[in-house]
Amino acid sequence: MHIAFFAAKVGLTEEQIRSLANGGPEDACWNASEALLIRFCDELHNTATVSDELWTALRRENSDEAMLELLMLAGFYHTVSYLTNALRLPLEPDGTRFPN
């Protein structure tokens, strides 16, 4: 739903949308700050933690409050995913579908 409703408003390009679904933070469409945030999301999702190296890099650009907010936001969306998947909620009809 975020892609359907907000991608154009925040200026995401088609290349960035493709990268989010099938690429990674190393893709040329991301600047250094964006790549750090994508690495953060990927690492937290894959390992349920953040490496010291990545944490240090993120702290150079973000306050303590922002770091906490990033962690809480990631946790919130994990909770939403658990609920929607376990409850077998139907997909929103207006949502963007990503290729597998």
PDB file of N, CA and C in Angstrom:
ATOM      1  N   MET A   1       0.811  -1.198   0.000  1.00  0.00           N
ATOM      2  CA  MET A   1       0.000   0.000   0.000  1.00  0.00           C
ATOM      3  C   MET A   1       0.856   1.264   0.000  1.00  0.00           C
ATOM      4  N   HIS A   2       2.015   1.190   0.641  1.00  0.00           N
ATOM      5  CA  HIS A   2       2.860   2.379   0.690  1.00  0.00           C
ATOM      6  C   HIS A   2       3.322   2.794  -0.705  1.00  0.00           C
ATOM      7  N   ILE A   3       3.670   1.823  -1.526  1.00  0.00           N
ATOM      8  CA  ILE A   3       4.082   2.144  -2.899  1.00  0.00           C
ATOM      9  C   ILE A   3       2.915   2.755  -3.662  1.00  0.00           C
ATOM     10  N   ALA A   4       1.746   2.153  -3.554  1.00  0.00           N
ATOM     11  CA  ALA A   4       0.577   2.636  -4.295  1.00  0.00           C
ATOM     12  C   ALA A   4       0.204   4.065  -3.908  1.00  0.00           C
ATOM     13  N   PHE A   5       0.280   4.372  -2.628  1.00  0.00           N
ATOM     14  CA  PHE A   5      -0.187   5.682  -2.167  1.00  0.00           C
ATOM     15  C   PHE A   5       0.905   6.738  -2.019  1.00  0.00           C
ATOM     16  N   PHE A   6       2.132   6.334  -1.735  1.00  0.00           N
ATOM     17  CA  PHE A   6       3.131   7.329  -1.370  1.00  0.00           C
ATOM     18  C   PHE A   6       4.354   7.405  -2.275  1.00  0.00           C
ATOM     19  N   ALA A   7       4.606   6.420  -3.113  1.00  0.00           N
ATOM     20  CA  ALA A   7       5.841   6.403  -3.905  1.00  0.00           C
ATOM     21  C   ALA A   7       6.017   7.677  -4.730  1.00  0.00           C
ATOM     22  N   ALA A   8       5.003   8.049  -5.459  1.00  0.00           N
ATOM     23  CA  ALA A   8       5.106   9.248  -6.297  1.00  0.00           C
ATOM     24  C   ALA A   8       5.238  10.506  -5.437  1.00  0.00           C
ATOM     25  N   LYS A   9       4.529  10.552  -4.314  1.00  0.00           N
ATOM     26  CA  LYS A   9       4.570  11.736  -3.448  1.00  0.00           C
ATOM     27  C   LYS A   9       5.940  11.977  -2.837  1.00  0.00           C
ATOM     28  N   VAL A  10       6.679  10.910  -2.581  1.00  0.00           N
ATOM     29  CA  VAL A  10       8.014  11.076  -1.994  1.00  0.00           C
ATOM     30  C   VAL A  10       9.115  10.986  -3.047  1.00  0.00           C
ATOM     31  N   GLY A  11       8.732  10.816  -4.303  1.00  0.00           N
ATOM     32  CA  GLY A  11       9.690  10.851  -5.397  1.00  0.00           C
ATOM     33  C   GLY A  11      10.450   9.569  -5.659  1.00  0.00           C
ATOM     34  N   LEU A  12       9.915   8.411  -5.235  1.00  0.00           N
ATOM     35  CA  LEU A  12      10.579   7.148  -5.563  1.00  0.00           C
ATOM     36  C   LEU A  12      10.495   6.909  -7.065  1.00  0.00           C
ATOM     37  N   THR A  13      11.607   6.528  -7.642  1.00  0.00           N
ATOM     38  CA  THR A  13      11.640   6.225  -9.066  1.00  0.00           C
ATOM     39  C   THR A  13      11.260   4.761  -9.294  1.00  0.00           C
ATOM     40  N   GLU A  14      10.977   4.414 -10.529  1.00  0.00           N
ATOM     41  CA  GLU A  14      10.694   3.017 -10.869  1.00  0.00           C
ATOM     42  C   GLU A  14      11.897   2.132 -10.541  1.00  0.00           C
ATOM     43  N   GLU A  15      13.098   2.663 -10.773  1.00  0.00           N
ATOM     44  CA  GLU A  15      14.318   1.910 -10.464  1.00  0.00           C
ATOM     45  C   GLU A  15      14.418   1.627  -8.953  1.00  0.00           C
ATOM     46  N   GLN A  16      14.073   2.601  -8.145  1.00  0.00           N
ATOM     47  CA  GLN A  16      14.109   2.407  -6.694  1.00  0.00           C
ATOM     48  C   GLN A  16      13.055   1.400  -6.242  1.00  0.00           C
ATOM     49  N   ILE A  17      11.879   1.472  -6.818  1.00  0.00           N
ATOM     50  CA  ILE A  17      10.814   0.523  -6.464  1.00  0.00           C
ATOM     51  C   ILE A  17      11.255  -0.895  -6.833  1.00  0.00           C
ATOM     52  N   ARG A  18      11.835  -1.069  -8.026  1.00  0.00           N
ATOM     53  CA  ARG A  18      12.352  -2.388  -8.417  1.00  0.00           C
ATOM     54  C   ARG A  18      13.442  -2.852  -7.454  1.00  0.00           C
ATOM     55  N   SER A  19      14.305  -1.930  -7.066  1.00  0.00           N
ATOM     56  CA  SER A  19      15.392  -2.273  -6.151  1.00  0.00           C
ATOM     57  C   SER A  19      14.864  -2.723  -4.799  1.00  0.00           C
ATOM     58  N   LEU A  20      13.832  -2.079  -4.311  1.00  0.00           N
ATOM     59  CA  LEU A  20      13.259  -2.473  -3.023  1.00  0.00           C
ATOM     60  C   LEU A  20      12.707  -3.896  -3.065  1.00  0.00           C
ATOM     61  N   ALA A  21      12.162  -4.283  -4.202  1.00  0.00           N
ATOM     62  CA  ALA A  21      11.583  -5.621  -4.327  1.00  0.00           C
ATOM     63  C   ALA A  21      12.622  -6.681  -4.677  1.00  0.00           C
ATOM     64  N   ASN A  22      13.590  -6.334  -5.509  1.00  0.00           N
ATOM     65  CA  ASN A  22      14.500  -7.348  -6.046  1.00  0.00           C
ATOM     66  C   ASN A  22      15.968  -6.946  -6.046  1.00  0.00           C
ATOM     67  N   GLY A  23      16.304  -5.868  -5.410  1.00  0.00           N
ATOM     68  CA  GLY A  23      17.686  -5.411  -5.424  1.00  0.00           C
ATOM     69  C   GLY A  23      18.251  -5.316  -4.028  1.00  0.00           C
ATOM     70  N   GLY A  24      19.061  -4.293  -3.822  1.00  0.00           N
ATOM     71  CA  GLY A  24      19.670  -4.124  -2.522  1.00  0.00           C
ATOM     72  C   GLY A  24      20.270  -2.750  -2.348  1.00  0.00           C
ATOM     73  N   PRO A  25      20.840  -2.500  -1.182  1.00  0.00           N
ATOM     74  CA  PRO A  25      21.381  -1.177  -0.881  1.00  0.00           C
ATOM     75  C   PRO A  25      22.563  -0.789  -1.764  1.00  0.00           C
ATOM     76  N   GLU A  26      23.187  -1.761  -2.411  1.00  0.00           N
ATOM     77  CA  GLU A  26      24.319  -1.461  -3.284  1.00  0.00           C
ATOM     78  C   GLU A  26      23.886  -0.946  -4.652  1.00  0.00           C
ATOM     79  N   ASP A  27      22.591  -0.993  -4.961  1.00  0.00           N
ATOM     80  CA  ASP A  27      22.104  -0.517  -6.256  1.00  0.00           C
ATOM     81  C   ASP A  27      22.380   0.978  -6.414  1.00  0.00           C
ATOM     82  N   ALA A  28      22.704   1.387  -7.618  1.00  0.00           N
ATOM     83  CA  ALA A  28      23.113   2.768  -7.909  1.00  0.00           C
ATOM     84  C   ALA A  28      22.016   3.800  -7.665  1.00  0.00           C
ATOM     85  N   CYS A  29      20.790   3.371  -7.525  1.00  0.00           N
ATOM     86  CA  CYS A  29      19.681   4.316  -7.358  1.00  0.00           C
ATOM     87  C   CYS A  29      19.593   4.901  -5.954  1.00  0.00           C
ATOM     88  N   TRP A  30      20.414   4.420  -5.023  1.00  0.00           N
ATOM     89  CA  TRP A  30      20.368   4.886  -3.629  1.00  0.00           C
ATOM     90  C   TRP A  30      21.590   5.727  -3.291  1.00  0.00           C
ATOM     91  N   ASN A  31      21.360   6.821  -2.553  1.00  0.00           N
ATOM     92  CA  ASN A  31      22.511   7.566  -2.047  1.00  0.00           C
ATOM     93  C   ASN A  31      23.020   6.864  -0.784  1.00  0.00           C
ATOM     94  N   ALA A  32      24.114   7.350  -0.228  1.00  0.00           N
ATOM     95  CA  ALA A  32      24.760   6.669   0.898  1.00  0.00           C
ATOM     96  C   ALA A  32      23.837   6.566   2.120  1.00  0.00           C
ATOM     97  N   SER A  33      23.101   7.607   2.429  1.00  0.00           N
ATOM     98  CA  SER A  33      22.201   7.582   3.590  1.00  0.00           C
ATOM     99  C   SER A  33      21.056   6.592   3.386  1.00  0.00           C
ATOM    100  N   GLU A  34      20.498   6.593   2.190  1.00  0.00           N
ATOM    101  CA  GLU A  34      19.418   5.659   1.884  1.00  0.00           C
ATOM    102  C   GLU A  34      19.915   4.215   1.943  1.00  0.00           C
ATOM    103  N   ALA A  35      21.102   3.996   1.411  1.00  0.00           N
ATOM    104  CA  ALA A  35      21.681   2.644   1.429  1.00  0.00           C
ATOM    105  C   ALA A  35      21.886   2.159   2.863  1.00  0.00           C
ATOM    106  N   LEU A  36      22.318   3.043   3.756  1.00  0.00           N
ATOM    107  CA  LEU A  36      22.470   2.667   5.162  1.00  0.00           C
ATOM    108  C   LEU A  36      21.143   2.226   5.765  1.00  0.00           C
ATOM    109  N   LEU A  37      20.084   2.966   5.473  1.00  0.00           N
ATOM    110  CA  LEU A  37      18.771   2.610   6.010  1.00  0.00           C
ATOM    111  C   LEU A  37      18.268   1.280   5.456  1.00  0.00           C
ATOM    112  N   ILE A  38      18.528   1.026   4.192  1.00  0.00           N
ATOM    113  CA  ILE A  38      18.125  -0.257   3.612  1.00  0.00           C
ATOM    114  C   ILE A  38      18.936  -1.388   4.230  1.00  0.00           C
ATOM    115  N   ARG A  39      20.227  -1.170   4.409  1.00  0.00           N
ATOM    116  CA  ARG A  39      21.051  -2.171   5.093  1.00  0.00           C
ATOM    117  C   ARG A  39      20.531  -2.442   6.501  1.00  0.00           C
ATOM    118  N   PHE A  40      20.144  -1.387   7.209  1.00  0.00           N
ATOM    119  CA  PHE A  40      19.586  -1.513   8.550  1.00  0.00           C
ATOM    120  C   PHE A  40      18.339  -2.404   8.524  1.00  0.00           C
ATOM    121  N   CYS A  41      17.428  -2.103   7.615  1.00  0.00           N
ATOM    122  CA  CYS A  41      16.191  -2.897   7.518  1.00  0.00           C
ATOM    123  C   CYS A  41      16.497  -4.352   7.188  1.00  0.00           C
ATOM    124  N   ASP A  42      17.360  -4.571   6.218  1.00  0.00           N
ATOM    125  CA  ASP A  42      17.704  -5.934   5.817  1.00  0.00           C
ATOM    126  C   ASP A  42      18.368  -6.696   6.953  1.00  0.00           C
ATOM    127  N   GLU A  43      19.336  -6.065   7.605  1.00  0.00           N
ATOM    128  CA  GLU A  43      20.075  -6.740   8.669  1.00  0.00           C
ATOM    129  C   GLU A  43      19.171  -7.045   9.859  1.00  0.00           C
ATOM    130  N   LEU A  44      18.352  -6.088  10.232  1.00  0.00           N
ATOM    131  CA  LEU A  44      17.439  -6.297  11.354  1.00  0.00           C
ATOM    132  C   LEU A  44      16.438  -7.402  11.032  1.00  0.00           C
ATOM    133  N   HIS A  45      15.933  -7.400   9.815  1.00  0.00           N
ATOM    134  CA  HIS A  45      14.991  -8.443   9.399  1.00  0.00           C
ATOM    135  C   HIS A  45      15.657  -9.821   9.382  1.00  0.00           C
ATOM    136  N   ASN A  46      16.859  -9.896   8.847  1.00  0.00           N
ATOM    137  CA  ASN A  46      17.533 -11.189   8.682  1.00  0.00           C
ATOM    138  C   ASN A  46      18.126 -11.760   9.962  1.00  0.00           C
ATOM    139  N   THR A  47      18.553 -10.884  10.872  1.00  0.00           N
ATOM    140  CA  THR A  47      19.278 -11.366  12.053  1.00  0.00           C
ATOM    141  C   THR A  47      18.669 -10.946  13.379  1.00  0.00           C
ATOM    142  N   ALA A  48      17.656 -10.096  13.352  1.00  0.00           N
ATOM    143  CA  ALA A  48      17.020  -9.551  14.562  1.00  0.00           C
ATOM    144  C   ALA A  48      17.999  -8.735  15.407  1.00  0.00           C
ATOM    145  N   THR A  49      19.041  -8.217  14.761  1.00  0.00           N
ATOM    146  CA  THR A  49      19.988  -7.335  15.443  1.00  0.00           C
ATOM    147  C   THR A  49      20.669  -6.463  14.394  1.00  0.00           C
ATOM    148  N   VAL A  50      21.533  -5.571  14.860  1.00  0.00           N
ATOM    149  CA  VAL A  50      22.284  -4.687  13.964  1.00  0.00           C
ATOM    150  C   VAL A  50      23.759  -4.782  14.351  1.00  0.00           C
ATOM    151  N   SER A  51      24.599  -5.006  13.375  1.00  0.00           N
ATOM    152  CA  SER A  51      26.036  -5.135  13.640  1.00  0.00           C
ATOM    153  C   SER A  51      26.600  -3.826  14.198  1.00  0.00           C
ATOM    154  N   ASP A  52      27.694  -3.939  14.926  1.00  0.00           N
ATOM    155  CA  ASP A  52      28.352  -2.753  15.482  1.00  0.00           C
ATOM    156  C   ASP A  52      28.761  -1.789  14.384  1.00  0.00           C
ATOM    157  N   GLU A  53      29.284  -2.321  13.280  1.00  0.00           N
ATOM    158  CA  GLU A  53      29.730  -1.481  12.162  1.00  0.00           C
ATOM    159  C   GLU A  53      28.579  -0.666  11.584  1.00  0.00           C
ATOM    160  N   LEU A  54      27.443  -1.305  11.366  1.00  0.00           N
ATOM    161  CA  LEU A  54      26.293  -0.597  10.806  1.00  0.00           C
ATOM    162  C   LEU A  54      25.719   0.385  11.820  1.00  0.00           C
ATOM    163  N   TRP A  55      25.646  -0.025  13.069  1.00  0.00           N
ATOM    164  CA  TRP A  55      25.125   0.869  14.112  1.00  0.00           C
ATOM    165  C   TRP A  55      25.966   2.147  14.179  1.00  0.00           C
ATOM    166  N   THR A  56      27.282   1.994  14.143  1.00  0.00           N
ATOM    167  CA  THR A  56      28.185   3.146  14.198  1.00  0.00           C
ATOM    168  C   THR A  56      27.966   4.065  13.001  1.00  0.00           C
ATOM    169  N   ALA A  57      27.820   3.488  11.830  1.00  0.00           N
ATOM    170  CA  ALA A  57      27.582   4.296  10.619  1.00  0.00           C
ATOM    171  C   ALA A  57      26.257   5.040  10.708  1.00  0.00           C
ATOM    172  N   LEU A  58      25.228   4.376  11.194  1.00  0.00           N
ATOM    173  CA  LEU A  58      23.926   5.020  11.333  1.00  0.00           C
ATOM    174  C   LEU A  58      23.949   6.128  12.380  1.00  0.00           C
ATOM    175  N   ARG A  59      24.673   5.904  13.468  1.00  0.00           N
ATOM    176  CA  ARG A  59      24.749   6.902  14.547  1.00  0.00           C
ATOM    177  C   ARG A  59      25.447   8.180  14.092  1.00  0.00           C
ATOM    178  N   ARG A  60      26.299   8.085  13.078  1.00  0.00           N
ATOM    179  CA  ARG A  60      26.941   9.297  12.555  1.00  0.00           C
ATOM    180  C   ARG A  60      25.915  10.224  11.907  1.00  0.00           C
ATOM    181  N   GLU A  61      24.783   9.665  11.476  1.00  0.00           N
ATOM    182  CA  GLU A  61      23.774  10.458  10.767  1.00  0.00           C
ATOM    183  C   GLU A  61      22.468  10.641  11.534  1.00  0.00           C
ATOM    184  N   ASN A  62      22.301   9.921  12.648  1.00  0.00           N
ATOM    185  CA  ASN A  62      21.020   9.936  13.341  1.00  0.00           C
ATOM    186  C   ASN A  62      21.204  10.118  14.845  1.00  0.00           C
ATOM    187  N   SER A  63      20.267  10.824  15.450  1.00  0.00           N
ATOM    188  CA  SER A  63      20.276  11.036  16.895  1.00  0.00           C
ATOM    189  C   SER A  63      19.855   9.757  17.626  1.00  0.00           C
ATOM    190  N   ASP A  64      20.028   9.755  18.939  1.00  0.00           N
ATOM    191  CA  ASP A  64      19.552   8.632  19.752  1.00  0.00           C
ATOM    192  C   ASP A  64      18.056   8.425  19.542  1.00  0.00           C
ATOM    193  N   GLU A  65      17.316   9.525  19.510  1.00  0.00           N
ATOM    194  CA  GLU A  65      15.867   9.443  19.325  1.00  0.00           C
ATOM    195  C   GLU A  65      15.503   8.843  17.967  1.00  0.00           C
ATOM    196  N   ALA A  66      16.238   9.234  16.935  1.00  0.00           N
ATOM    197  CA  ALA A  66      15.976   8.700  15.601  1.00  0.00           C
ATOM    198  C   ALA A  66      16.298   7.209  15.536  1.00  0.00           C
ATOM    199  N   MET A  67      17.368   6.797  16.193  1.00  0.00           N
ATOM    200  CA  MET A  67      17.724   5.374  16.208  1.00  0.00           C
ATOM    201  C   MET A  67      16.628   4.554  16.885  1.00  0.00           C
ATOM    202  N   LEU A  68      16.136   5.049  18.001  1.00  0.00           N
ATOM    203  CA  LEU A  68      15.050   4.357  18.686  1.00  0.00           C
ATOM    204  C   LEU A  68      13.804   4.303  17.809  1.00  0.00           C
ATOM    205  N   GLU A  69      13.513   5.407  17.136  1.00  0.00           N
ATOM    206  CA  GLU A  69      12.354   5.439  16.242  1.00  0.00           C
ATOM    207  C   GLU A  69      12.505   4.446  15.095  1.00  0.00           C
ATOM    208  N   LEU A  70      13.698   4.327  14.535  1.00  0.00           N
ATOM    209  CA  LEU A  70      13.929   3.348  13.467  1.00  0.00           C
ATOM    210  C   LEU A  70      13.659   1.930  13.964  1.00  0.00           C
ATOM    211  N   LEU A  71      14.156   1.613  15.150  1.00  0.00           N
ATOM    212  CA  LEU A  71      13.931   0.279  15.716  1.00  0.00           C
ATOM    213  C   LEU A  71      12.449   0.035  15.987  1.00  0.00           C
ATOM    214  N   MET A  72      11.773   1.025  16.542  1.00  0.00           N
ATOM    215  CA  MET A  72      10.349   0.878  16.845  1.00  0.00           C
ATOM    216  C   MET A  72       9.523   0.744  15.569  1.00  0.00           C
ATOM    217  N   LEU A  73       9.867   1.511  14.552  1.00  0.00           N
ATOM    218  CA  LEU A  73       9.146   1.437  13.283  1.00  0.00           C
ATOM    219  C   LEU A  73       9.306   0.067  12.640  1.00  0.00           C
ATOM    220  N   ALA A  74      10.527  -0.453  12.654  1.00  0.00           N
ATOM    221  CA  ALA A  74      10.766  -1.786  12.111  1.00  0.00           C
ATOM    222  C   ALA A  74       9.979  -2.833  12.893  1.00  0.00           C
ATOM    223  N   GLY A  75       9.968  -2.721  14.209  1.00  0.00           N
ATOM    224  CA  GLY A  75       9.208  -3.649  15.043  1.00  0.00           C
ATOM    225  C   GLY A  75       7.717  -3.559  14.796  1.00  0.00           C
ATOM    226  N   PHE A  76       7.227  -2.344  14.604  1.00  0.00           N
ATOM    227  CA  PHE A  76       5.797  -2.153  14.324  1.00  0.00           C
ATOM    228  C   PHE A  76       5.405  -2.872  13.034  1.00  0.00           C
ATOM    229  N   TYR A  77       6.199  -2.690  11.983  1.00  0.00           N
ATOM    230  CA  TYR A  77       5.853  -3.326  10.713  1.00  0.00           C
ATOM    231  C   TYR A  77       6.032  -4.841  10.756  1.00  0.00           C
ATOM    232  N   HIS A  78       6.943  -5.319  11.577  1.00  0.00           N
ATOM    233  CA  HIS A  78       7.061  -6.763  11.765  1.00  0.00           C
ATOM    234  C   HIS A  78       5.784  -7.285  12.418  1.00  0.00           C
ATOM    235  N   THR A  79       5.292  -6.568  13.418  1.00  0.00           N
ATOM    236  CA  THR A  79       4.046  -6.951  14.085  1.00  0.00           C
ATOM    237  C   THR A  79       2.880  -6.949  13.105  1.00  0.00           C
ATOM    238  N   VAL A  80       2.785  -5.925  12.290  1.00  0.00           N
ATOM    239  CA  VAL A  80       1.721  -5.860  11.283  1.00  0.00           C
ATOM    240  C   VAL A  80       1.805  -7.056  10.345  1.00  0.00           C
ATOM    241  N   SER A  81       3.008  -7.400   9.911  1.00  0.00           N
ATOM    242  CA  SER A  81       3.183  -8.554   9.016  1.00  0.00           C
ATOM    243  C   SER A  81       2.758  -9.847   9.690  1.00  0.00           C
ATOM    244  N   TYR A  82       3.159 -10.028  10.947  1.00  0.00           N
ATOM    245  CA  TYR A  82       2.758 -11.235  11.677  1.00  0.00           C
ATOM    246  C   TYR A  82       1.240 -11.342  11.724  1.00  0.00           C
ATOM    247  N   LEU A  83       0.583 -10.260  12.082  1.00  0.00           N
ATOM    248  CA  LEU A  83      -0.874 -10.284  12.213  1.00  0.00           C
ATOM    249  C   LEU A  83      -1.576 -10.526  10.885  1.00  0.00           C
ATOM    250  N   THR A  84      -1.204  -9.762   9.869  1.00  0.00           N
ATOM    251  CA  THR A  84      -1.899  -9.899   8.587  1.00  0.00           C
ATOM    252  C   THR A  84      -1.664 -11.271   7.966  1.00  0.00           C
ATOM    253  N   ASN A  85      -0.448 -11.804   8.113  1.00  0.00           N
ATOM    254  CA  ASN A  85      -0.154 -13.115   7.541  1.00  0.00           C
ATOM    255  C   ASN A  85      -0.831 -14.236   8.323  1.00  0.00           C
ATOM    256  N   ALA A  86      -0.728 -14.202   9.651  1.00  0.00           N
ATOM    257  CA  ALA A  86      -1.314 -15.270  10.472  1.00  0.00           C
ATOM    258  C   ALA A  86      -2.836 -15.274  10.401  1.00  0.00           C
ATOM    259  N   LEU A  87      -3.428 -14.095  10.298  1.00  0.00           N
ATOM    260  CA  LEU A  87      -4.880 -14.004  10.207  1.00  0.00           C
ATOM    261  C   LEU A  87      -5.395 -14.200   8.787  1.00  0.00           C
ATOM    262  N   ARG A  88      -4.471 -14.380   7.850  1.00  0.00           N
ATOM    263  CA  ARG A  88      -4.809 -14.595   6.440  1.00  0.00           C
ATOM    264  C   ARG A  88      -5.699 -13.475   5.888  1.00  0.00           C
ATOM    265  N   LEU A  89      -5.366 -12.246   6.280  1.00  0.00           N
ATOM    266  CA  LEU A  89      -6.144 -11.113   5.799  1.00  0.00           C
ATOM    267  C   LEU A  89      -5.937 -10.962   4.293  1.00  0.00           C
ATOM    268  N   PRO A  90      -6.987 -10.613   3.573  1.00  0.00           N
ATOM    269  CA  PRO A  90      -6.851 -10.468   2.118  1.00  0.00           C
ATOM    270  C   PRO A  90      -5.994  -9.250   1.775  1.00  0.00           C
ATOM    271  N   LEU A  91      -5.335  -9.330   0.631  1.00  0.00           N
ATOM    272  CA  LEU A  91      -4.561  -8.192   0.144  1.00  0.00           C
ATOM    273  C   LEU A  91      -5.499  -7.049  -0.197  1.00  0.00           C
ATOM    274  N   GLU A  92      -5.024  -5.835  -0.004  1.00  0.00           N
ATOM    275  CA  GLU A  92      -5.815  -4.674  -0.375  1.00  0.00           C
ATOM    276  C   GLU A  92      -5.923  -4.626  -1.896  1.00  0.00           C
ATOM    277  N   PRO A  93      -7.097  -4.372  -2.427  1.00  0.00           N
ATOM    278  CA  PRO A  93      -7.258  -4.399  -3.886  1.00  0.00           C
ATOM    279  C   PRO A  93      -6.452  -3.327  -4.617  1.00  0.00           C
ATOM    280  N   ASP A  94      -6.137  -2.216  -3.962  1.00  0.00           N
ATOM    281  CA  ASP A  94      -5.401  -1.134  -4.610  1.00  0.00           C
ATOM    282  C   ASP A  94      -3.896  -1.211  -4.381  1.00  0.00           C
ATOM    283  N   GLY A  95      -3.438  -2.228  -3.687  1.00  0.00           N
ATOM    284  CA  GLY A  95      -2.017  -2.344  -3.354  1.00  0.00           C
ATOM    285  C   GLY A  95      -1.170  -2.744  -4.549  1.00  0.00           C
ATOM    286  N   THR A  96       0.066  -2.319  -4.533  1.00  0.00           N
ATOM    287  CA  THR A  96       1.033  -2.704  -5.561  1.00  0.00           C
ATOM    288  C   THR A  96       1.491  -4.116  -5.310  1.00  0.00           C
ATOM    289  N   ARG A  97       1.575  -4.931  -6.346  1.00  0.00           N
ATOM    290  CA  ARG A  97       2.060  -6.299  -6.225  1.00  0.00           C
ATOM    291  C   ARG A  97       3.498  -6.361  -6.718  1.00  0.00           C
ATOM    292  N   PHE A  98       4.350  -6.950  -5.926  1.00  0.00           N
ATOM    293  CA  PHE A  98       5.756  -7.093  -6.298  1.00  0.00           C
ATOM    294  C   PHE A  98       5.977  -8.461  -6.906  1.00  0.00           C
ATOM    295  N   PRO A  99       6.850  -8.539  -7.902  1.00  0.00           N
ATOM    296  CA  PRO A  99       7.175  -9.850  -8.462  1.00  0.00           C
ATOM    297  C   PRO A  99       7.965 -10.679  -7.448  1.00  0.00           C
ATOM    298  N   ASN A 100       7.810 -11.982  -7.491  1.00  0.00           N
ATOM    299  CA  ASN A 100       8.555 -12.859  -6.574  1.00  0.00           C
ATOM    300  C   ASN A 100       9.950 -13.103  -7.084  1.00  0.00           C
TER     301      ASN A 100
END
